[in-house]
């Protein structure tokens, strides 16, 4: 069990997790180290699957969560899977809204030139919990000028 900072231990920071039948006997999302930002999500597969080169597939995790209002969960790639196997997550980071109650599923894509096997219990993604701001949108006719202005897509250069 990863220790928690005492100030973060309150009712509002709890994430309720519902284990689905095909997630039986798998660990709930877990922080690997005390300094980890993301909790590991596991593949809740009954049988291993192979992801062909340039293919993508939806992998179930066997859990649903209940986030507090004002938070989102972000699904992000695992760096080891990316560098060692060429696996990444499409729609990254994926967003789970606080009012979603369905199963968390991960869109894995194989960017390598070889098939990659995914097995039950394999750590396939990271789940980050982050606060969100729900803005009030206000239409105006002009925006404040800045030095950068409308320049984008590499306009600040590639070197310091």
N, C-alpha and C. Protein backbone atom coordinates (compact mmCIF):
# COMPACT_ATOMS: atom_id res chain seq x y z
N UNK A 1 0.84 -1.19 0.00
CA UNK A 1 0.00 0.00 0.00
C UNK A 1 0.89 1.25 0.00
N UNK A 2 0.60 2.15 -0.88
CA UNK A 2 1.36 3.40 -0.99
C UNK A 2 0.87 4.36 0.08
N UNK A 3 1.79 4.98 0.86
CA UNK A 3 1.35 5.92 1.89
C UNK A 3 0.72 7.16 1.25
N UNK A 4 -0.20 7.76 1.96
CA UNK A 4 -0.88 8.95 1.48
C UNK A 4 -0.52 10.14 2.37
N UNK A 5 -0.46 11.30 1.76
CA UNK A 5 -0.27 12.52 2.54
C UNK A 5 -1.54 12.73 3.34
N UNK A 6 -1.40 12.94 4.63
CA UNK A 6 -2.55 13.03 5.53
C UNK A 6 -3.59 14.05 5.05
N UNK A 7 -3.15 15.22 4.56
CA UNK A 7 -4.09 16.25 4.12
C UNK A 7 -4.98 15.78 2.97
N UNK A 8 -4.53 14.79 2.20
CA UNK A 8 -5.32 14.30 1.07
C UNK A 8 -6.32 13.23 1.47
N UNK A 9 -6.26 12.78 2.71
CA UNK A 9 -7.16 11.73 3.15
C UNK A 9 -8.46 12.35 3.66
N UNK A 10 -9.37 12.58 2.77
CA UNK A 10 -10.68 13.07 3.17
C UNK A 10 -11.73 12.45 2.26
N UNK A 11 -12.96 12.57 2.65
CA UNK A 11 -14.05 11.94 1.91
C UNK A 11 -14.07 12.38 0.45
N UNK A 12 -13.74 13.66 0.18
CA UNK A 12 -13.83 14.17 -1.17
C UNK A 12 -12.77 13.61 -2.11
N UNK A 13 -11.68 13.06 -1.58
CA UNK A 13 -10.64 12.54 -2.47
C UNK A 13 -10.77 11.03 -2.69
N UNK A 14 -11.79 10.43 -2.14
CA UNK A 14 -12.01 9.00 -2.38
C UNK A 14 -12.54 8.79 -3.80
N UNK A 15 -12.05 7.75 -4.45
CA UNK A 15 -12.60 7.36 -5.74
C UNK A 15 -13.29 6.01 -5.52
N UNK A 16 -14.59 5.99 -5.74
CA UNK A 16 -15.34 4.75 -5.58
C UNK A 16 -15.14 3.90 -6.83
N UNK A 17 -14.84 2.62 -6.62
CA UNK A 17 -14.54 1.71 -7.72
C UNK A 17 -15.49 0.53 -7.66
N UNK A 18 -16.12 0.24 -8.78
CA UNK A 18 -16.98 -0.94 -8.89
C UNK A 18 -16.26 -1.96 -9.76
N UNK A 19 -16.02 -3.13 -9.18
CA UNK A 19 -15.38 -4.21 -9.93
C UNK A 19 -16.47 -4.94 -10.72
N UNK A 20 -16.27 -5.10 -12.00
CA UNK A 20 -17.21 -5.81 -12.86
C UNK A 20 -16.86 -7.29 -12.87
N UNK A 21 -17.81 -8.16 -13.24
CA UNK A 21 -17.54 -9.61 -13.16
C UNK A 21 -16.26 -10.06 -13.87
N UNK A 22 -15.97 -9.51 -15.05
CA UNK A 22 -14.77 -9.94 -15.77
C UNK A 22 -13.49 -9.32 -15.19
N UNK A 23 -13.63 -8.45 -14.17
CA UNK A 23 -12.47 -7.89 -13.48
C UNK A 23 -12.16 -8.62 -12.18
N UNK A 24 -12.87 -9.71 -11.93
CA UNK A 24 -12.65 -10.47 -10.69
C UNK A 24 -11.20 -10.92 -10.58
N UNK A 25 -10.66 -10.84 -9.38
CA UNK A 25 -9.30 -11.27 -9.04
C UNK A 25 -8.20 -10.39 -9.63
N UNK A 26 -8.55 -9.24 -10.20
CA UNK A 26 -7.53 -8.29 -10.65
C UNK A 26 -7.41 -7.19 -9.60
N UNK A 27 -6.22 -6.61 -9.47
CA UNK A 27 -6.02 -5.50 -8.54
C UNK A 27 -6.80 -4.29 -9.00
N UNK A 28 -7.25 -3.51 -8.04
CA UNK A 28 -7.84 -2.21 -8.36
C UNK A 28 -6.71 -1.29 -8.80
N UNK A 29 -7.03 -0.13 -9.41
CA UNK A 29 -5.96 0.79 -9.80
C UNK A 29 -5.02 1.06 -8.62
N UNK A 30 -3.72 0.98 -8.90
CA UNK A 30 -2.71 1.05 -7.86
C UNK A 30 -1.58 1.99 -8.27
N UNK A 31 -1.13 2.81 -7.31
CA UNK A 31 0.06 3.63 -7.52
C UNK A 31 1.27 2.74 -7.23
N UNK A 32 2.20 2.66 -8.17
CA UNK A 32 3.35 1.75 -8.03
C UNK A 32 4.34 2.22 -6.98
N UNK A 33 4.50 3.53 -6.82
CA UNK A 33 5.46 4.08 -5.86
C UNK A 33 4.82 5.26 -5.14
N UNK A 34 5.37 5.69 -4.00
CA UNK A 34 4.80 6.84 -3.30
C UNK A 34 4.76 8.11 -4.14
N UNK A 35 5.65 8.26 -5.10
CA UNK A 35 5.68 9.45 -5.94
C UNK A 35 4.93 9.32 -7.24
N UNK A 36 4.27 8.21 -7.47
CA UNK A 36 3.55 8.00 -8.72
C UNK A 36 2.38 8.96 -8.86
N UNK A 37 2.21 9.52 -10.05
CA UNK A 37 1.06 10.37 -10.34
C UNK A 37 -0.10 9.54 -10.87
N UNK A 38 0.21 8.47 -11.58
CA UNK A 38 -0.81 7.66 -12.22
C UNK A 38 -0.94 6.29 -11.59
N UNK A 39 -2.17 5.81 -11.51
CA UNK A 39 -2.46 4.47 -11.03
C UNK A 39 -2.55 3.54 -12.24
N UNK A 40 -1.98 2.35 -12.10
CA UNK A 40 -1.98 1.40 -13.21
C UNK A 40 -3.37 0.81 -13.43
N UNK A 41 -3.75 0.74 -14.71
CA UNK A 41 -4.97 0.04 -15.12
C UNK A 41 -4.56 -1.29 -15.73
N UNK A 42 -5.33 -2.33 -15.43
CA UNK A 42 -5.01 -3.68 -15.90
C UNK A 42 -5.98 -4.15 -16.97
N UNK A 43 -5.50 -5.01 -17.85
CA UNK A 43 -6.34 -5.61 -18.88
C UNK A 43 -7.21 -6.69 -18.26
N UNK A 44 -8.52 -6.57 -18.43
CA UNK A 44 -9.47 -7.55 -17.89
C UNK A 44 -9.95 -8.45 -19.03
N UNK A 45 -9.01 -9.12 -19.64
CA UNK A 45 -9.30 -10.02 -20.75
C UNK A 45 -9.49 -11.44 -20.24
N UNK A 46 -10.37 -12.19 -20.89
CA UNK A 46 -10.52 -13.61 -20.56
C UNK A 46 -9.44 -14.44 -21.26
N UNK A 47 -9.10 -14.04 -22.48
CA UNK A 47 -8.08 -14.71 -23.29
C UNK A 47 -7.11 -13.66 -23.81
N UNK A 48 -5.83 -14.02 -23.99
CA UNK A 48 -4.89 -13.05 -24.58
C UNK A 48 -5.33 -12.64 -25.98
N UNK A 49 -4.98 -11.42 -26.36
CA UNK A 49 -5.24 -10.98 -27.72
C UNK A 49 -3.95 -10.43 -28.30
N UNK A 50 -3.87 -10.43 -29.61
CA UNK A 50 -2.71 -9.90 -30.30
C UNK A 50 -3.14 -8.66 -31.08
N UNK A 51 -2.37 -7.59 -30.92
CA UNK A 51 -2.63 -6.37 -31.68
C UNK A 51 -1.62 -6.32 -32.82
N UNK A 52 -2.12 -6.37 -34.03
CA UNK A 52 -1.26 -6.37 -35.22
C UNK A 52 -0.61 -5.00 -35.40
N UNK A 53 0.50 -4.95 -36.14
CA UNK A 53 1.13 -3.65 -36.44
C UNK A 53 0.11 -2.70 -37.08
N UNK A 54 0.14 -1.45 -36.65
CA UNK A 54 -0.75 -0.39 -37.15
C UNK A 54 -2.22 -0.60 -36.79
N UNK A 55 -2.52 -1.57 -35.95
CA UNK A 55 -3.91 -1.82 -35.56
C UNK A 55 -4.19 -1.20 -34.20
N UNK A 56 -5.45 -1.11 -33.87
CA UNK A 56 -5.88 -0.62 -32.57
C UNK A 56 -7.02 -1.51 -32.08
N UNK A 57 -7.17 -1.54 -30.76
CA UNK A 57 -8.24 -2.34 -30.17
C UNK A 57 -8.65 -1.73 -28.84
N UNK A 58 -9.86 -2.04 -28.41
CA UNK A 58 -10.40 -1.55 -27.16
C UNK A 58 -10.24 -2.63 -26.10
N UNK A 59 -9.52 -2.30 -25.03
CA UNK A 59 -9.22 -3.27 -23.97
C UNK A 59 -10.04 -2.92 -22.73
N UNK A 60 -10.83 -3.87 -22.22
CA UNK A 60 -11.59 -3.62 -21.00
C UNK A 60 -10.69 -3.67 -19.76
N UNK A 61 -11.06 -2.90 -18.72
CA UNK A 61 -10.31 -2.92 -17.48
C UNK A 61 -11.06 -3.63 -16.35
N UNK A 62 -12.33 -3.91 -16.55
CA UNK A 62 -13.10 -4.61 -15.53
C UNK A 62 -13.52 -3.74 -14.36
N UNK A 63 -13.43 -2.42 -14.50
CA UNK A 63 -13.86 -1.52 -13.43
C UNK A 63 -14.64 -0.33 -13.98
N UNK A 64 -15.49 0.21 -13.13
CA UNK A 64 -16.15 1.50 -13.33
C UNK A 64 -15.81 2.33 -12.11
N UNK A 65 -15.80 3.66 -12.27
CA UNK A 65 -15.47 4.52 -11.13
C UNK A 65 -16.50 5.62 -10.95
N UNK A 66 -16.53 6.17 -9.75
CA UNK A 66 -17.35 7.33 -9.44
C UNK A 66 -16.42 8.44 -8.96
N UNK A 67 -16.24 9.43 -9.81
CA UNK A 67 -15.38 10.56 -9.48
C UNK A 67 -16.18 11.64 -8.77
N UNK A 68 -15.54 12.38 -7.86
CA UNK A 68 -16.22 13.53 -7.28
C UNK A 68 -16.44 14.60 -8.35
N UNK A 69 -17.52 15.36 -8.24
CA UNK A 69 -17.77 16.47 -9.15
C UNK A 69 -16.58 17.43 -9.09
N UNK A 70 -16.16 17.94 -10.24
CA UNK A 70 -15.02 18.85 -10.29
C UNK A 70 -13.71 18.16 -10.60
N UNK A 71 -13.77 16.85 -10.87
CA UNK A 71 -12.58 16.08 -11.22
C UNK A 71 -12.81 15.32 -12.51
N UNK A 72 -11.73 14.97 -13.16
CA UNK A 72 -11.75 14.07 -14.32
C UNK A 72 -10.70 13.01 -14.08
N UNK A 73 -10.84 11.89 -14.77
CA UNK A 73 -9.78 10.88 -14.80
C UNK A 73 -9.21 10.90 -16.20
N UNK A 74 -7.89 10.91 -16.31
CA UNK A 74 -7.22 10.90 -17.61
C UNK A 74 -6.55 9.55 -17.80
N UNK A 75 -6.75 8.96 -18.97
CA UNK A 75 -6.08 7.70 -19.30
C UNK A 75 -4.89 8.05 -20.17
N UNK A 76 -3.71 7.64 -19.70
CA UNK A 76 -2.47 7.97 -20.41
C UNK A 76 -1.66 6.71 -20.69
N UNK A 77 -0.77 6.78 -21.70
CA UNK A 77 0.08 5.63 -22.02
C UNK A 77 1.08 5.34 -20.91
N UNK A 78 1.56 4.11 -20.89
CA UNK A 78 2.66 3.71 -20.00
C UNK A 78 3.94 3.80 -20.83
N UNK A 79 4.94 4.47 -20.29
CA UNK A 79 6.17 4.72 -21.04
C UNK A 79 6.89 3.43 -21.42
N UNK A 80 6.89 2.43 -20.54
CA UNK A 80 7.56 1.17 -20.85
C UNK A 80 6.93 0.45 -22.03
N UNK A 81 5.60 0.44 -22.10
CA UNK A 81 4.92 -0.18 -23.24
C UNK A 81 5.21 0.59 -24.52
N UNK A 82 5.32 1.90 -24.40
CA UNK A 82 5.58 2.72 -25.59
C UNK A 82 6.97 2.44 -26.15
N UNK A 83 8.00 2.52 -25.31
CA UNK A 83 9.37 2.36 -25.82
C UNK A 83 9.70 0.91 -26.14
N UNK A 84 9.23 -0.03 -25.34
CA UNK A 84 9.59 -1.44 -25.53
C UNK A 84 8.72 -2.18 -26.54
N UNK A 85 7.45 -1.74 -26.69
CA UNK A 85 6.53 -2.48 -27.55
C UNK A 85 5.85 -1.64 -28.62
N UNK A 86 6.05 -0.34 -28.60
CA UNK A 86 5.41 0.52 -29.59
C UNK A 86 3.92 0.72 -29.34
N UNK A 87 3.45 0.43 -28.11
CA UNK A 87 2.03 0.61 -27.80
C UNK A 87 1.78 2.01 -27.26
N UNK A 88 0.71 2.62 -27.73
CA UNK A 88 0.29 3.90 -27.21
C UNK A 88 -1.22 3.89 -27.07
N UNK A 89 -1.74 4.98 -26.58
CA UNK A 89 -3.18 5.11 -26.40
C UNK A 89 -3.69 6.18 -27.35
N UNK A 90 -4.68 5.81 -28.14
CA UNK A 90 -5.31 6.80 -29.02
C UNK A 90 -6.23 7.65 -28.16
N UNK A 91 -6.52 8.85 -28.65
CA UNK A 91 -7.35 9.80 -27.90
C UNK A 91 -6.69 10.09 -26.55
N UNK A 92 -5.39 10.29 -26.58
CA UNK A 92 -4.64 10.44 -25.35
C UNK A 92 -4.38 11.90 -25.04
N UNK A 93 -4.60 12.36 -23.81
CA UNK A 93 -5.19 11.55 -22.77
C UNK A 93 -6.69 11.40 -22.96
N UNK A 94 -7.17 10.20 -22.72
CA UNK A 94 -8.62 9.97 -22.73
C UNK A 94 -9.20 10.58 -21.47
N UNK A 95 -10.38 11.16 -21.58
CA UNK A 95 -11.02 11.79 -20.43
C UNK A 95 -12.22 10.98 -19.98
N UNK A 96 -12.28 10.76 -18.67
CA UNK A 96 -13.45 10.16 -18.04
C UNK A 96 -14.10 11.26 -17.21
N UNK A 97 -15.32 11.62 -17.55
CA UNK A 97 -16.04 12.68 -16.86
C UNK A 97 -16.60 12.18 -15.53
N UNK A 98 -16.85 13.12 -14.62
CA UNK A 98 -17.31 12.75 -13.28
C UNK A 98 -18.70 12.11 -13.29
N UNK A 99 -19.49 12.30 -14.34
CA UNK A 99 -20.82 11.69 -14.38
C UNK A 99 -20.88 10.40 -15.20
N UNK A 100 -19.74 9.89 -15.68
CA UNK A 100 -19.70 8.62 -16.43
C UNK A 100 -19.63 7.46 -15.46
N UNK A 101 -20.44 6.46 -15.65
CA UNK A 101 -20.46 5.30 -14.77
C UNK A 101 -20.21 3.98 -15.49
N UNK A 102 -19.85 4.04 -16.76
CA UNK A 102 -19.59 2.82 -17.52
C UNK A 102 -18.19 2.29 -17.26
N UNK A 103 -17.91 1.16 -17.87
CA UNK A 103 -16.59 0.54 -17.72
C UNK A 103 -15.51 1.40 -18.35
N UNK A 104 -14.37 1.47 -17.68
CA UNK A 104 -13.20 2.13 -18.26
C UNK A 104 -12.61 1.16 -19.27
N UNK A 105 -12.43 1.63 -20.50
CA UNK A 105 -11.80 0.85 -21.55
C UNK A 105 -10.68 1.69 -22.15
N UNK A 106 -9.65 1.03 -22.64
CA UNK A 106 -8.46 1.70 -23.14
C UNK A 106 -8.28 1.38 -24.62
N UNK A 107 -8.11 2.43 -25.44
CA UNK A 107 -7.86 2.24 -26.88
C UNK A 107 -6.35 2.09 -27.07
N UNK A 108 -5.88 0.86 -27.20
CA UNK A 108 -4.45 0.61 -27.43
C UNK A 108 -4.18 0.55 -28.92
N UNK A 109 -3.09 1.19 -29.34
CA UNK A 109 -2.66 1.16 -30.74
C UNK A 109 -1.23 0.65 -30.80
N UNK A 110 -0.97 -0.21 -31.76
CA UNK A 110 0.36 -0.78 -31.96
C UNK A 110 1.05 -0.01 -33.07
N UNK A 111 2.04 0.80 -32.70
CA UNK A 111 2.79 1.58 -33.69
C UNK A 111 4.06 0.86 -34.14
N UNK A 112 4.28 -0.34 -33.64
CA UNK A 112 5.50 -1.09 -33.99
C UNK A 112 5.29 -1.89 -35.28
N UNK A 113 6.34 -2.58 -35.70
CA UNK A 113 6.26 -3.42 -36.90
C UNK A 113 6.00 -4.88 -36.57
N UNK A 114 5.75 -5.19 -35.28
CA UNK A 114 5.48 -6.57 -34.86
C UNK A 114 4.19 -6.65 -34.06
N UNK A 115 3.48 -7.79 -34.11
CA UNK A 115 2.30 -7.95 -33.26
C UNK A 115 2.69 -7.88 -31.79
N UNK A 116 1.78 -7.37 -30.96
CA UNK A 116 2.01 -7.29 -29.52
C UNK A 116 0.87 -8.03 -28.82
N UNK A 117 1.24 -8.91 -27.91
CA UNK A 117 0.26 -9.69 -27.17
C UNK A 117 -0.13 -8.99 -25.87
N UNK A 118 -1.43 -8.94 -25.62
CA UNK A 118 -1.96 -8.37 -24.38
C UNK A 118 -2.61 -9.52 -23.60
N UNK A 119 -2.21 -9.65 -22.34
CA UNK A 119 -2.70 -10.76 -21.51
C UNK A 119 -3.48 -10.21 -20.32
N UNK A 120 -4.31 -11.05 -19.74
CA UNK A 120 -5.07 -10.68 -18.55
C UNK A 120 -4.13 -10.21 -17.44
N UNK A 121 -4.48 -9.12 -16.80
CA UNK A 121 -3.70 -8.60 -15.69
C UNK A 121 -2.52 -7.73 -16.09
N UNK A 122 -2.27 -7.60 -17.39
CA UNK A 122 -1.16 -6.76 -17.87
C UNK A 122 -1.48 -5.29 -17.58
N UNK A 123 -0.48 -4.54 -17.12
CA UNK A 123 -0.64 -3.11 -16.89
C UNK A 123 -0.61 -2.40 -18.24
N UNK A 124 -1.73 -1.82 -18.64
CA UNK A 124 -1.86 -1.29 -19.99
C UNK A 124 -1.93 0.23 -20.07
N UNK A 125 -2.20 0.90 -18.97
CA UNK A 125 -2.35 2.36 -19.01
C UNK A 125 -2.20 2.92 -17.60
N UNK A 126 -2.14 4.24 -17.54
CA UNK A 126 -2.14 4.94 -16.26
C UNK A 126 -3.41 5.78 -16.16
N UNK A 127 -3.92 5.88 -14.95
CA UNK A 127 -5.10 6.69 -14.68
C UNK A 127 -4.68 7.84 -13.76
N UNK A 128 -4.86 9.05 -14.24
CA UNK A 128 -4.51 10.26 -13.50
C UNK A 128 -5.81 10.95 -13.09
N UNK A 129 -5.92 11.33 -11.83
CA UNK A 129 -7.09 12.07 -11.36
C UNK A 129 -6.69 13.55 -11.29
N UNK A 130 -7.48 14.41 -11.93
CA UNK A 130 -7.12 15.82 -12.01
C UNK A 130 -8.34 16.71 -11.78
N UNK A 131 -8.14 17.83 -11.09
CA UNK A 131 -9.25 18.79 -10.94
C UNK A 131 -9.51 19.48 -12.28
N UNK A 132 -10.74 19.87 -12.47
CA UNK A 132 -11.10 20.60 -13.69
C UNK A 132 -11.79 21.90 -13.32
N UNK A 133 -11.81 22.81 -14.24
CA UNK A 133 -12.53 24.07 -14.08
C UNK A 133 -13.64 24.07 -15.11
N UNK A 134 -14.83 24.37 -14.69
CA UNK A 134 -15.94 24.51 -15.62
C UNK A 134 -16.15 26.00 -15.85
N UNK A 135 -15.63 26.50 -16.97
CA UNK A 135 -15.63 27.96 -17.19
C UNK A 135 -17.02 28.49 -17.55
N UNK A 136 -17.14 29.78 -17.42
CA UNK A 136 -18.29 30.50 -17.93
C UNK A 136 -17.82 31.12 -19.24
N UNK A 137 -18.44 30.74 -20.34
CA UNK A 137 -18.03 31.23 -21.65
C UNK A 137 -18.69 32.57 -21.91
N UNK A 138 -17.88 33.55 -22.28
CA UNK A 138 -18.38 34.89 -22.52
C UNK A 138 -17.91 35.34 -23.90
N UNK A 139 -18.84 35.61 -24.77
CA UNK A 139 -18.50 36.06 -26.11
C UNK A 139 -18.10 37.53 -26.09
N UNK A 140 -16.99 37.85 -26.80
CA UNK A 140 -16.53 39.23 -26.94
C UNK A 140 -16.22 39.48 -28.41
N UNK A 141 -16.04 40.73 -28.77
CA UNK A 141 -15.71 41.04 -30.17
C UNK A 141 -14.21 41.11 -30.39
N UNK A 142 -13.43 41.33 -29.34
CA UNK A 142 -11.97 41.41 -29.44
C UNK A 142 -11.33 40.70 -28.25
N UNK A 143 -10.11 40.18 -28.48
CA UNK A 143 -9.31 39.58 -27.42
C UNK A 143 -8.09 40.46 -27.17
N UNK A 144 -7.56 40.41 -25.98
CA UNK A 144 -6.37 41.19 -25.62
C UNK A 144 -5.19 40.76 -26.49
N UNK A 145 -4.42 41.72 -26.98
CA UNK A 145 -3.24 41.43 -27.80
C UNK A 145 -2.10 40.85 -26.94
N UNK A 146 -1.29 39.98 -27.54
CA UNK A 146 -0.07 39.47 -26.91
C UNK A 146 1.06 39.54 -27.93
N UNK A 147 2.28 39.34 -27.48
CA UNK A 147 3.43 39.36 -28.37
C UNK A 147 3.30 38.26 -29.43
N UNK A 148 2.82 37.11 -29.02
CA UNK A 148 2.68 35.97 -29.94
C UNK A 148 1.52 36.17 -30.91
N UNK A 149 0.45 36.74 -30.42
CA UNK A 149 -0.70 36.99 -31.28
C UNK A 149 -1.31 35.70 -31.81
N UNK A 150 -1.55 35.63 -33.13
CA UNK A 150 -2.20 34.48 -33.76
C UNK A 150 -1.21 33.42 -34.23
N UNK A 151 0.09 33.66 -34.02
CA UNK A 151 1.10 32.70 -34.50
C UNK A 151 1.03 31.40 -33.69
N UNK A 152 1.14 30.30 -34.38
CA UNK A 152 1.09 28.99 -33.73
C UNK A 152 1.85 27.96 -34.53
N UNK A 153 1.75 26.71 -34.15
CA UNK A 153 2.36 25.59 -34.86
C UNK A 153 3.83 25.84 -35.20
N UNK A 154 4.64 25.94 -34.16
CA UNK A 154 6.09 26.11 -34.35
C UNK A 154 6.55 27.54 -34.43
N UNK A 155 5.65 28.49 -34.22
CA UNK A 155 6.02 29.90 -34.39
C UNK A 155 7.04 30.38 -33.35
N UNK A 156 7.20 29.68 -32.25
CA UNK A 156 8.18 30.12 -31.25
C UNK A 156 9.55 29.51 -31.50
N UNK A 157 9.70 28.72 -32.55
CA UNK A 157 11.00 28.17 -32.95
C UNK A 157 11.26 26.80 -32.31
N UNK A 158 12.44 26.25 -32.64
CA UNK A 158 12.80 24.91 -32.18
C UNK A 158 14.03 24.90 -31.29
N UNK A 159 14.73 26.02 -31.20
CA UNK A 159 15.92 26.12 -30.37
C UNK A 159 15.76 27.27 -29.40
N UNK A 160 16.54 27.21 -28.31
CA UNK A 160 16.48 28.30 -27.35
C UNK A 160 17.39 29.44 -27.76
